[in-house]
C-alpha cells in the first residue's frame, strides 16, 4: 500500500505486512520506519496525521515521530 502526502512534495507513506515507512523520493531516503503490520494507510486531508489499519481491525492515527512536514 502506497500513499503520497497530500501537501508536501515527494513524500510517500508505504505499508506492508511487516513495516510502515515514510520516504522522501527526491532524495531516496527513508525518513521513518516502524515495525507494524498494515493492510491500509492514509493521510489526513492536510497531511498532518498518518493513519494505519490492519486486518484485525486495529486502527491508529498520529504524527510520525521525528518527522516535520
Protein backbone atom coordinates (compact mmCIF):
# COMPACT_ATOMS: atom_id res chain seq x y z
CA UNK A 1 0.00 0.00 0.00
CA UNK A 2 1.43 3.38 -1.00
CA UNK A 3 0.04 6.86 -0.34
CA UNK A 4 1.59 10.15 -1.40
CA UNK A 5 1.49 13.05 1.06
CA UNK A 6 -1.43 15.35 0.17
CA UNK A 7 0.52 18.61 0.64
CA UNK A 8 4.29 18.04 0.81
CA UNK A 9 6.07 17.20 -2.42
CA UNK A 10 7.95 13.92 -2.75
CA UNK A 11 6.80 12.23 0.48
CA UNK A 12 5.30 8.77 0.27
CA UNK A 13 3.95 6.51 3.02
CA UNK A 14 4.49 2.80 2.34
CA UNK A 15 2.98 -0.08 4.30
CA UNK A 16 3.31 -3.83 4.02
CA UNK A 17 2.81 -6.89 6.20
CA UNK A 18 5.75 -6.03 8.45
CA UNK A 19 6.54 -2.27 8.33
CA UNK A 20 5.21 1.25 7.98
CA UNK A 21 7.75 3.55 6.28
CA UNK A 22 7.98 7.14 5.06
CA UNK A 23 10.28 8.04 2.17
CA UNK A 24 11.42 11.23 0.54
CA UNK A 25 11.52 10.13 -3.08
CA UNK A 26 13.50 13.19 -4.20
CA UNK A 27 16.47 12.13 -2.05
CA UNK A 28 15.62 8.41 -1.95
CA UNK A 29 15.96 8.46 1.85
CA UNK A 30 13.83 6.68 4.41
CA UNK A 31 12.59 9.25 6.95
CA UNK A 32 10.62 6.95 9.26
CA UNK A 33 10.19 3.25 9.91
CA UNK A 34 8.05 1.35 12.37
CA UNK A 35 7.59 -2.39 12.72
CA UNK A 36 3.86 -2.87 12.28
CA UNK A 37 1.53 -4.96 10.17
CA UNK A 38 -0.64 -2.73 7.98
CA UNK A 39 -3.23 -3.57 5.39
CA UNK A 40 -4.07 0.06 4.58
CA UNK A 41 -2.68 3.54 5.22
CA UNK A 42 -3.89 7.05 4.62
CA UNK A 43 -3.14 10.72 5.37
CA UNK A 44 -5.41 13.31 6.94
CA UNK A 45 -6.64 15.91 4.44
CA UNK A 46 -3.87 18.38 5.42
CA UNK A 47 -1.18 15.71 5.81
CA UNK A 48 -0.56 16.40 9.50
CA UNK A 49 -1.55 12.86 10.56
CA UNK A 50 -0.98 9.38 9.19
CA UNK A 51 -3.47 6.58 9.74
CA UNK A 52 -2.85 2.83 9.55
CA UNK A 53 -5.13 -0.17 9.91
CA UNK A 54 -4.54 -3.91 9.92
CA UNK A 55 -6.65 -6.95 9.05
CA UNK A 56 -7.53 -7.46 12.73
CA UNK A 57 -9.44 -4.16 12.67
CA UNK A 58 -6.96 -2.17 14.74
CA UNK A 59 -6.69 1.45 13.61
CA UNK A 60 -4.17 4.05 14.72
CA UNK A 61 -3.59 7.66 13.73
CA UNK A 62 -0.99 10.19 14.73
CA UNK A 63 2.09 12.14 13.85
CA UNK A 64 5.13 10.18 12.75
CA UNK A 65 7.81 10.62 15.45
CA UNK A 66 10.73 12.77 14.40
CA UNK A 67 9.08 13.97 11.18
CA UNK A 68 8.11 17.55 10.48
CA UNK A 69 6.35 18.48 7.27
